[in-house]
Amino acid sequence: MMPEPIPKLSKASGFTLTETLVVLFAWILLLSFVPPLYTKLVVKSETNYFFAQFQEDFLYAQQYAITNRTPVRFQYISSLHEFRYQEVGGEVIRKRKLPDFVNFPWRTQEIFINANGNLGGQSLTLYFTVHQKPYRIIFYIGRARFQIYEEETGKGK
């Protein structure tokens, strides 16, 4: 018995230059939309991280005041571009350098948290920008609770 002959390969198998260029153009077009989306994602991520960190630090300062039964002062220092939490007349509990994309328009600001965790009967609103977008923090009277709002939309964070 004779083996079956091997079929000849067609020379027409493969892609033409035009087909390859069309596919390459489609990929380039799709990839051109990625950097703006990535930039928006990074800005949103940095903003959310800053707010979460600020809230965590503030709540830590409140818990520190309650646990140690000592008043705590939140202070923003513009010359150092940082905020600090420290015992009133005592040591610094925590200080944090602010990222370059966060700007507070005021030079120095202080908020006092009493030994029982309250803000001491003061209500306060702070204005600042994150990635050049205006926000405000409203500190409510009482248990050192606050809300962060976008200035343009009024939407809370």
N, C-alpha and C. Protein backbone atom coordinates (compact mmCIF):
# COMPACT_ATOMS: atom_id res chain seq x y z
N MET A 1 0.80 -1.18 0.00
CA MET A 1 0.00 0.00 0.00
C MET A 1 0.85 1.25 0.00
N MET A 2 0.41 2.16 -0.79
CA MET A 2 1.16 3.41 -0.92
C MET A 2 0.61 4.45 0.05
N PRO A 3 1.55 5.19 0.65
CA PRO A 3 1.06 6.26 1.53
C PRO A 3 0.38 7.34 0.71
N GLU A 4 -0.55 8.02 1.40
CA GLU A 4 -1.29 9.10 0.72
C GLU A 4 -0.36 10.29 0.50
N PRO A 5 -0.53 10.95 -0.61
CA PRO A 5 0.34 12.10 -0.88
C PRO A 5 0.04 13.26 0.08
N ILE A 6 1.08 13.97 0.44
CA ILE A 6 0.94 15.14 1.32
C ILE A 6 0.39 16.29 0.49
N PRO A 7 -0.69 16.95 1.01
CA PRO A 7 -1.26 18.05 0.24
C PRO A 7 -0.28 19.23 0.18
N LYS A 8 -0.29 19.91 -0.93
CA LYS A 8 0.59 21.06 -1.11
C LYS A 8 0.04 22.25 -0.33
N LEU A 9 0.94 23.01 0.27
CA LEU A 9 0.54 24.23 0.98
C LEU A 9 0.28 25.33 -0.01
N SER A 10 -0.76 26.05 0.27
CA SER A 10 -1.12 27.16 -0.62
C SER A 10 -0.23 28.35 -0.31
N LYS A 11 0.19 29.03 -1.29
CA LYS A 11 1.02 30.22 -1.09
C LYS A 11 0.18 31.41 -0.64
N ALA A 12 -1.14 31.27 -0.63
CA ALA A 12 -2.02 32.37 -0.27
C ALA A 12 -2.30 32.40 1.23
N SER A 13 -1.67 31.55 2.03
CA SER A 13 -1.93 31.58 3.47
C SER A 13 -1.10 32.71 4.09
N GLY A 14 -1.75 33.51 4.96
CA GLY A 14 -1.08 34.63 5.60
C GLY A 14 -1.89 35.90 5.41
N PHE A 15 -1.35 36.99 5.94
CA PHE A 15 -2.06 38.26 5.86
C PHE A 15 -1.36 39.18 4.88
N THR A 16 -2.15 39.99 4.24
CA THR A 16 -1.58 40.97 3.32
C THR A 16 -1.08 42.17 4.11
N LEU A 17 -0.29 42.97 3.50
CA LEU A 17 0.23 44.17 4.14
C LEU A 17 -0.91 45.10 4.54
N THR A 18 -1.92 45.21 3.71
CA THR A 18 -3.08 46.08 4.00
C THR A 18 -3.82 45.59 5.24
N GLU A 19 -4.05 44.30 5.34
CA GLU A 19 -4.74 43.76 6.52
C GLU A 19 -3.93 44.01 7.79
N THR A 20 -2.64 43.81 7.71
CA THR A 20 -1.77 44.04 8.87
C THR A 20 -1.79 45.51 9.28
N LEU A 21 -1.75 46.41 8.33
CA LEU A 21 -1.78 47.84 8.65
C LEU A 21 -3.10 48.26 9.25
N VAL A 22 -4.21 47.69 8.79
CA VAL A 22 -5.53 48.02 9.35
C VAL A 22 -5.60 47.57 10.81
N VAL A 23 -5.13 46.37 11.10
CA VAL A 23 -5.15 45.87 12.48
C VAL A 23 -4.23 46.71 13.36
N LEU A 24 -3.05 47.04 12.86
CA LEU A 24 -2.11 47.86 13.60
C LEU A 24 -2.70 49.24 13.89
N PHE A 25 -3.36 49.84 12.92
CA PHE A 25 -4.01 51.14 13.11
C PHE A 25 -5.11 51.04 14.17
N ALA A 26 -5.88 49.96 14.15
CA ALA A 26 -6.94 49.78 15.15
C ALA A 26 -6.35 49.69 16.56
N TRP A 27 -5.25 48.96 16.74
CA TRP A 27 -4.60 48.86 18.04
C TRP A 27 -4.08 50.22 18.51
N ILE A 28 -3.45 50.94 17.62
CA ILE A 28 -2.92 52.27 17.98
C ILE A 28 -4.07 53.19 18.40
N LEU A 29 -5.16 53.14 17.68
CA LEU A 29 -6.32 53.96 18.01
C LEU A 29 -6.88 53.59 19.38
N LEU A 30 -7.00 52.32 19.68
CA LEU A 30 -7.49 51.88 20.99
C LEU A 30 -6.53 52.28 22.11
N LEU A 31 -5.26 52.11 21.89
CA LEU A 31 -4.27 52.44 22.92
C LEU A 31 -4.13 53.94 23.15
N SER A 32 -4.56 54.75 22.22
CA SER A 32 -4.47 56.20 22.41
C SER A 32 -5.45 56.70 23.46
N PHE A 33 -6.47 55.90 23.78
CA PHE A 33 -7.45 56.30 24.79
C PHE A 33 -7.03 55.91 26.20
N VAL A 34 -6.03 55.08 26.36
CA VAL A 34 -5.64 54.57 27.66
C VAL A 34 -4.99 55.62 28.56
N PRO A 35 -4.01 56.43 28.10
CA PRO A 35 -3.37 57.38 29.02
C PRO A 35 -4.33 58.38 29.69
N PRO A 36 -5.28 58.99 28.99
CA PRO A 36 -6.20 59.88 29.70
C PRO A 36 -7.03 59.15 30.76
N LEU A 37 -7.44 57.94 30.47
CA LEU A 37 -8.20 57.16 31.45
C LEU A 37 -7.33 56.82 32.65
N TYR A 38 -6.09 56.47 32.40
CA TYR A 38 -5.17 56.14 33.47
C TYR A 38 -4.90 57.36 34.35
N THR A 39 -4.73 58.52 33.74
CA THR A 39 -4.48 59.75 34.51
C THR A 39 -5.66 60.07 35.42
N LYS A 40 -6.86 59.95 34.90
CA LYS A 40 -8.05 60.20 35.72
C LYS A 40 -8.12 59.21 36.88
N LEU A 41 -7.77 57.97 36.62
CA LEU A 41 -7.79 56.95 37.65
C LEU A 41 -6.77 57.26 38.75
N VAL A 42 -5.59 57.71 38.36
CA VAL A 42 -4.55 58.05 39.34
C VAL A 42 -4.99 59.24 40.19
N VAL A 43 -5.56 60.27 39.57
CA VAL A 43 -6.02 61.45 40.31
C VAL A 43 -7.11 61.05 41.32
N LYS A 44 -8.05 60.25 40.89
CA LYS A 44 -9.12 59.82 41.79
C LYS A 44 -8.57 58.97 42.94
N SER A 45 -7.64 58.10 42.63
CA SER A 45 -7.03 57.25 43.64
C SER A 45 -6.25 58.07 44.67
N GLU A 46 -5.46 59.04 44.21
CA GLU A 46 -4.71 59.89 45.12
C GLU A 46 -5.63 60.72 46.00
N THR A 47 -6.71 61.23 45.42
CA THR A 47 -7.67 62.03 46.17
C THR A 47 -8.34 61.19 47.26
N ASN A 48 -8.81 60.02 46.90
CA ASN A 48 -9.46 59.13 47.88
C ASN A 48 -8.49 58.72 48.97
N TYR A 49 -7.24 58.46 48.61
CA TYR A 49 -6.23 58.08 49.59
C TYR A 49 -5.98 59.22 50.57
N PHE A 50 -5.89 60.45 50.07
CA PHE A 50 -5.67 61.60 50.96
C PHE A 50 -6.83 61.76 51.94
N PHE A 51 -8.07 61.67 51.45
CA PHE A 51 -9.23 61.82 52.34
C PHE A 51 -9.27 60.71 53.38
N ALA A 52 -9.00 59.49 52.98
CA ALA A 52 -9.00 58.36 53.93
C ALA A 52 -7.92 58.54 54.98
N GLN A 53 -6.75 58.99 54.56
CA GLN A 53 -5.65 59.20 55.49
C GLN A 53 -5.95 60.35 56.46
N PHE A 54 -6.52 61.44 55.94
CA PHE A 54 -6.88 62.57 56.79
C PHE A 54 -7.90 62.14 57.84
N GLN A 55 -8.92 61.42 57.40
CA GLN A 55 -9.95 60.96 58.33
C GLN A 55 -9.37 60.01 59.38
N GLU A 56 -8.52 59.10 58.95
CA GLU A 56 -7.89 58.16 59.88
C GLU A 56 -7.04 58.89 60.91
N ASP A 57 -6.26 59.87 60.47
CA ASP A 57 -5.42 60.64 61.39
C ASP A 57 -6.25 61.43 62.38
N PHE A 58 -7.33 62.03 61.89
CA PHE A 58 -8.17 62.83 62.79
C PHE A 58 -8.85 61.95 63.83
N LEU A 59 -9.36 60.81 63.41
CA LEU A 59 -10.00 59.90 64.35
C LEU A 59 -8.98 59.32 65.33
N TYR A 60 -7.76 59.10 64.87
CA TYR A 60 -6.70 58.65 65.77
C TYR A 60 -6.43 59.70 66.85
N ALA A 61 -6.37 60.97 66.43
CA ALA A 61 -6.13 62.05 67.39
C ALA A 61 -7.28 62.12 68.41
N GLN A 62 -8.50 61.93 67.94
CA GLN A 62 -9.65 61.94 68.85
C GLN A 62 -9.55 60.78 69.85
N GLN A 63 -9.22 59.59 69.37
CA GLN A 63 -9.08 58.44 70.26
C GLN A 63 -7.92 58.62 71.23
N TYR A 64 -6.85 59.25 70.76
CA TYR A 64 -5.71 59.53 71.63
C TYR A 64 -6.13 60.45 72.77
N ALA A 65 -6.91 61.48 72.43
CA ALA A 65 -7.37 62.43 73.45
C ALA A 65 -8.25 61.73 74.49
N ILE A 66 -9.13 60.87 74.03
CA ILE A 66 -10.03 60.16 74.95
C ILE A 66 -9.25 59.17 75.81
N THR A 67 -8.39 58.39 75.18
CA THR A 67 -7.65 57.35 75.90
C THR A 67 -6.70 57.94 76.94
N ASN A 68 -5.99 58.98 76.57
CA ASN A 68 -5.00 59.58 77.47
C ASN A 68 -5.57 60.72 78.30
N ARG A 69 -6.83 61.05 78.10
CA ARG A 69 -7.51 62.13 78.83
C ARG A 69 -6.70 63.43 78.81
N THR A 70 -6.30 63.76 77.58
CA THR A 70 -5.54 65.00 77.40
C THR A 70 -6.02 65.67 76.12
N PRO A 71 -6.11 66.99 76.10
CA PRO A 71 -6.52 67.68 74.87
C PRO A 71 -5.45 67.56 73.78
N VAL A 72 -5.93 67.51 72.56
CA VAL A 72 -5.05 67.36 71.40
C VAL A 72 -5.32 68.52 70.45
N ARG A 73 -4.25 68.99 69.83
CA ARG A 73 -4.36 70.11 68.90
C ARG A 73 -3.99 69.62 67.49
N PHE A 74 -4.89 69.89 66.54
CA PHE A 74 -4.60 69.68 65.12
C PHE A 74 -4.11 71.01 64.61
N GLN A 75 -2.97 71.01 63.94
CA GLN A 75 -2.39 72.26 63.46
C GLN A 75 -1.86 72.06 62.05
N TYR A 76 -2.25 72.95 61.15
CA TYR A 76 -1.69 72.98 59.80
C TYR A 76 -0.64 74.07 59.76
N ILE A 77 0.55 73.74 59.27
CA ILE A 77 1.65 74.70 59.18
C ILE A 77 2.01 74.85 57.71
N SER A 78 1.69 76.02 57.15
CA SER A 78 1.87 76.23 55.71
C SER A 78 3.33 76.26 55.29
N SER A 79 4.20 76.81 56.12
CA SER A 79 5.61 76.90 55.73
C SER A 79 6.25 75.52 55.56
N LEU A 80 5.75 74.52 56.28
CA LEU A 80 6.27 73.16 56.17
C LEU A 80 5.38 72.28 55.29
N HIS A 81 4.21 72.80 54.92
CA HIS A 81 3.21 72.07 54.13
C HIS A 81 2.91 70.72 54.79
N GLU A 82 2.58 70.81 56.09
CA GLU A 82 2.27 69.60 56.84
C GLU A 82 1.22 69.90 57.90
N PHE A 83 0.59 68.86 58.40
CA PHE A 83 -0.26 69.03 59.56
C PHE A 83 0.23 68.12 60.67
N ARG A 84 -0.06 68.57 61.91
CA ARG A 84 0.43 67.86 63.10
C ARG A 84 -0.72 67.67 64.08
N TYR A 85 -0.61 66.60 64.81
CA TYR A 85 -1.45 66.38 65.97
C TYR A 85 -0.51 66.30 67.15
N GLN A 86 -0.80 67.10 68.17
CA GLN A 86 0.06 67.06 69.35
C GLN A 86 -0.74 67.35 70.59
N GLU A 87 -0.24 66.83 71.70
CA GLU A 87 -0.86 67.15 72.97
C GLU A 87 -0.70 68.65 73.20
N VAL A 88 -1.71 69.26 73.79
CA VAL A 88 -1.61 70.69 74.06
C VAL A 88 -0.49 70.89 75.08
N GLY A 89 0.54 71.61 74.67
CA GLY A 89 1.69 71.85 75.53
C GLY A 89 2.58 70.62 75.66
N GLY A 90 2.43 69.67 74.77
CA GLY A 90 3.21 68.43 74.89
C GLY A 90 3.83 68.00 73.58
N GLU A 91 4.05 66.72 73.49
CA GLU A 91 4.76 66.14 72.35
C GLU A 91 3.87 65.98 71.13
N VAL A 92 4.52 65.89 69.99
CA VAL A 92 3.81 65.67 68.72
C VAL A 92 3.42 64.20 68.65
N ILE A 93 2.13 63.96 68.42
CA ILE A 93 1.62 62.59 68.32
C ILE A 93 1.86 62.05 66.91
N ARG A 94 1.52 62.86 65.94
CA ARG A 94 1.67 62.45 64.54
C ARG A 94 1.81 63.71 63.69
N LYS A 95 2.72 63.65 62.74
CA LYS A 95 2.80 64.74 61.77
C LYS A 95 2.88 64.11 60.39
N ARG A 96 2.27 64.79 59.45
CA ARG A 96 2.19 64.23 58.11
C ARG A 96 2.43 65.33 57.09
N LYS A 97 3.38 65.09 56.21
CA LYS A 97 3.65 66.00 55.10
C LYS A 97 2.52 65.85 54.09
N LEU A 98 2.01 66.96 53.62
CA LEU A 98 0.94 66.91 52.64
C LEU A 98 1.51 66.71 51.24
N PRO A 99 0.82 65.95 50.40
CA PRO A 99 1.28 65.81 49.02
C PRO A 99 1.21 67.15 48.28
N ASP A 100 1.97 67.27 47.22
CA ASP A 100 2.03 68.52 46.47
C ASP A 100 0.68 68.89 45.83
N PHE A 101 -0.19 67.92 45.59
CA PHE A 101 -1.46 68.21 44.94
C PHE A 101 -2.54 68.69 45.92
N VAL A 102 -2.21 68.80 47.21
CA VAL A 102 -3.14 69.31 48.22
C VAL A 102 -2.69 70.70 48.63
N ASN A 103 -3.61 71.67 48.57
CA ASN A 103 -3.29 73.05 48.94
C ASN A 103 -4.34 73.61 49.89
N PHE A 104 -3.87 74.10 51.01
CA PHE A 104 -4.72 74.81 51.96
C PHE A 104 -4.44 76.29 51.79
N PRO A 105 -5.47 77.13 51.63
CA PRO A 105 -5.23 78.55 51.39
C PRO A 105 -4.84 79.33 52.65
N TRP A 106 -4.97 78.75 53.82
CA TRP A 106 -4.67 79.49 55.04
C TRP A 106 -3.29 79.16 55.53
N ARG A 107 -2.71 80.11 56.26
CA ARG A 107 -1.33 79.95 56.72
C ARG A 107 -1.24 78.95 57.87
N THR A 108 -1.96 79.20 58.92
CA THR A 108 -1.94 78.31 60.08
C THR A 108 -3.37 78.15 60.58
N GLN A 109 -3.73 76.93 60.87
CA GLN A 109 -5.07 76.66 61.37
C GLN A 109 -4.94 75.66 62.52
N GLU A 110 -5.74 75.87 63.56
CA GLU A 110 -5.71 74.97 64.71
C GLU A 110 -7.12 74.52 65.04
N ILE A 111 -7.24 73.28 65.41
CA ILE A 111 -8.49 72.71 65.91
C ILE A 111 -8.14 71.99 67.19
N PHE A 112 -8.90 72.24 68.25
CA PHE A 112 -8.64 71.59 69.53
C PHE A 112 -9.67 70.51 69.78
N ILE A 113 -9.17 69.35 70.17
CA ILE A 113 -10.02 68.23 70.56
C ILE A 113 -9.86 68.08 72.06
N ASN A 114 -10.97 68.22 72.80
CA ASN A 114 -10.93 68.13 74.25
C ASN A 114 -10.60 66.71 74.70
N ALA A 115 -10.32 66.56 75.97
CA ALA A 115 -9.96 65.25 76.53
C ALA A 115 -11.10 64.24 76.43
N ASN A 116 -12.33 64.73 76.26
CA ASN A 116 -13.47 63.81 76.11
C ASN A 116 -13.78 63.52 74.63
N GLY A 117 -12.96 64.02 73.71
CA GLY A 117 -13.13 63.74 72.28
C GLY A 117 -13.97 64.75 71.53
N ASN A 118 -14.50 65.76 72.22
CA ASN A 118 -15.32 66.78 71.56
C ASN A 118 -14.44 67.90 71.00
N LEU A 119 -15.04 68.66 70.10
CA LEU A 119 -14.33 69.82 69.55
C LEU A 119 -14.45 71.05 70.42
N GLY A 120 -15.04 70.94 71.54
CA GLY A 120 -15.09 72.06 72.46
C GLY A 120 -16.08 73.13 72.06
N GLY A 121 -17.21 72.73 71.49
CA GLY A 121 -18.26 73.68 71.17
C GLY A 121 -18.00 74.54 69.95
N GLN A 122 -16.99 74.22 69.18
CA GLN A 122 -16.72 75.01 67.99
C GLN A 122 -17.09 74.23 66.73
N SER A 123 -17.76 74.90 65.85
CA SER A 123 -18.04 74.34 64.53
C SER A 123 -17.10 75.05 63.57
N LEU A 124 -16.60 74.33 62.59
CA LEU A 124 -15.54 74.90 61.77
C LEU A 124 -15.67 74.39 60.34
N THR A 125 -15.39 75.25 59.38
CA THR A 125 -15.34 74.86 57.98
C THR A 125 -13.97 75.24 57.43
N LEU A 126 -13.30 74.26 56.81
CA LEU A 126 -11.99 74.49 56.19
C LEU A 126 -12.12 74.31 54.69
N TYR A 127 -11.50 75.20 53.95
CA TYR A 127 -11.51 75.12 52.49
C TYR A 127 -10.12 74.77 52.00
N PHE A 128 -10.04 73.93 50.98
CA PHE A 128 -8.77 73.51 50.42
C PHE A 128 -9.00 72.96 49.02
N THR A 129 -7.90 72.69 48.31
CA THR A 129 -8.01 72.10 46.97
C THR A 129 -7.18 70.82 46.92
N VAL A 130 -7.68 69.87 46.15
CA VAL A 130 -6.98 68.62 45.87
C VAL A 130 -6.98 68.47 44.36
N HIS A 131 -5.80 68.42 43.78
CA HIS A 131 -5.66 68.41 42.31
C HIS A 131 -6.45 69.57 41.68
N GLN A 132 -6.33 70.74 42.29
CA GLN A 132 -6.95 71.99 41.83
C GLN A 132 -8.48 71.93 41.82
N LYS A 133 -9.06 71.01 42.53
CA LYS A 133 -10.51 70.92 42.66
C LYS A 133 -10.88 71.35 44.08
N PRO A 134 -11.80 72.31 44.23
CA PRO A 134 -12.09 72.84 45.58
C PRO A 134 -12.96 71.89 46.41
N TYR A 135 -12.59 71.79 47.69
CA TYR A 135 -13.32 70.98 48.66
C TYR A 135 -13.47 71.80 49.94
N ARG A 136 -14.37 71.34 50.79
CA ARG A 136 -14.48 71.92 52.13
C ARG A 136 -14.75 70.80 53.12
N ILE A 137 -14.23 70.98 54.31
CA ILE A 137 -14.47 70.05 55.41
C ILE A 137 -15.28 70.81 56.44
N ILE A 138 -16.39 70.25 56.82
CA ILE A 138 -17.21 70.85 57.87
C ILE A 138 -17.07 69.98 59.11
N PHE A 139 -16.52 70.57 60.16
CA PHE A 139 -16.40 69.90 61.45
C PHE A 139 -17.64 70.30 62.27
N TYR A 140 -18.37 69.32 62.71
CA TYR A 140 -19.60 69.57 63.46
C TYR A 140 -19.30 69.70 64.95
N ILE A 141 -20.18 70.41 65.65
CA ILE A 141 -20.04 70.56 67.09
C ILE A 141 -20.26 69.19 67.72
N GLY A 142 -19.47 68.89 68.72
CA GLY A 142 -19.66 67.62 69.41
C GLY A 142 -18.52 66.66 69.16
N ARG A 143 -18.85 65.46 68.82
CA ARG A 143 -17.93 64.34 68.78
C ARG A 143 -16.88 64.36 67.66
N ALA A 144 -16.40 65.49 67.26
CA ALA A 144 -15.33 65.62 66.27
C ALA A 144 -15.65 64.89 64.98
N ARG A 145 -16.91 64.95 64.59
CA ARG A 145 -17.30 64.35 63.31
C ARG A 145 -17.17 65.42 62.23
N PHE A 146 -16.88 64.99 61.02
CA PHE A 146 -16.76 65.94 59.93
C PHE A 146 -17.20 65.29 58.63
N GLN A 147 -17.51 66.15 57.68
CA GLN A 147 -17.92 65.72 56.35
C GLN A 147 -17.11 66.50 55.33
N ILE A 148 -16.71 65.82 54.26
CA ILE A 148 -15.94 66.47 53.19
C ILE A 148 -16.86 66.62 51.98
N TYR A 149 -16.92 67.84 51.43
CA TYR A 149 -17.79 68.13 50.29
C TYR A 149 -16.97 68.68 49.13
N GLU A 150 -17.37 68.32 47.92
CA GLU A 150 -16.84 69.00 46.74
C GLU A 150 -17.55 70.33 46.64
N GLU A 151 -16.82 71.37 46.40
CA GLU A 151 -17.41 72.71 46.35
C GLU A 151 -18.36 72.89 45.18
N GLU A 152 -18.03 72.41 44.01
CA GLU A 152 -18.85 72.67 42.83
C GLU A 152 -20.14 71.87 42.83
N THR A 153 -20.07 70.61 43.28
CA THR A 153 -21.23 69.75 43.21
C THR A 153 -21.99 69.68 44.52
N GLY A 154 -21.32 69.95 45.64
CA GLY A 154 -21.96 69.82 46.93
C GLY A 154 -22.07 68.37 47.36
N LYS A 155 -21.43 67.47 46.61
CA LYS A 155 -21.51 66.05 46.89
C LYS A 155 -20.56 65.69 48.00
N GLY A 156 -21.04 64.95 49.00
CA GLY A 156 -20.21 64.54 50.13
C GLY A 156 -19.32 63.37 49.79
N LYS A 157 -18.18 63.30 50.48
CA LYS A 157 -17.25 62.18 50.30
C LYS A 157 -17.42 61.20 51.42
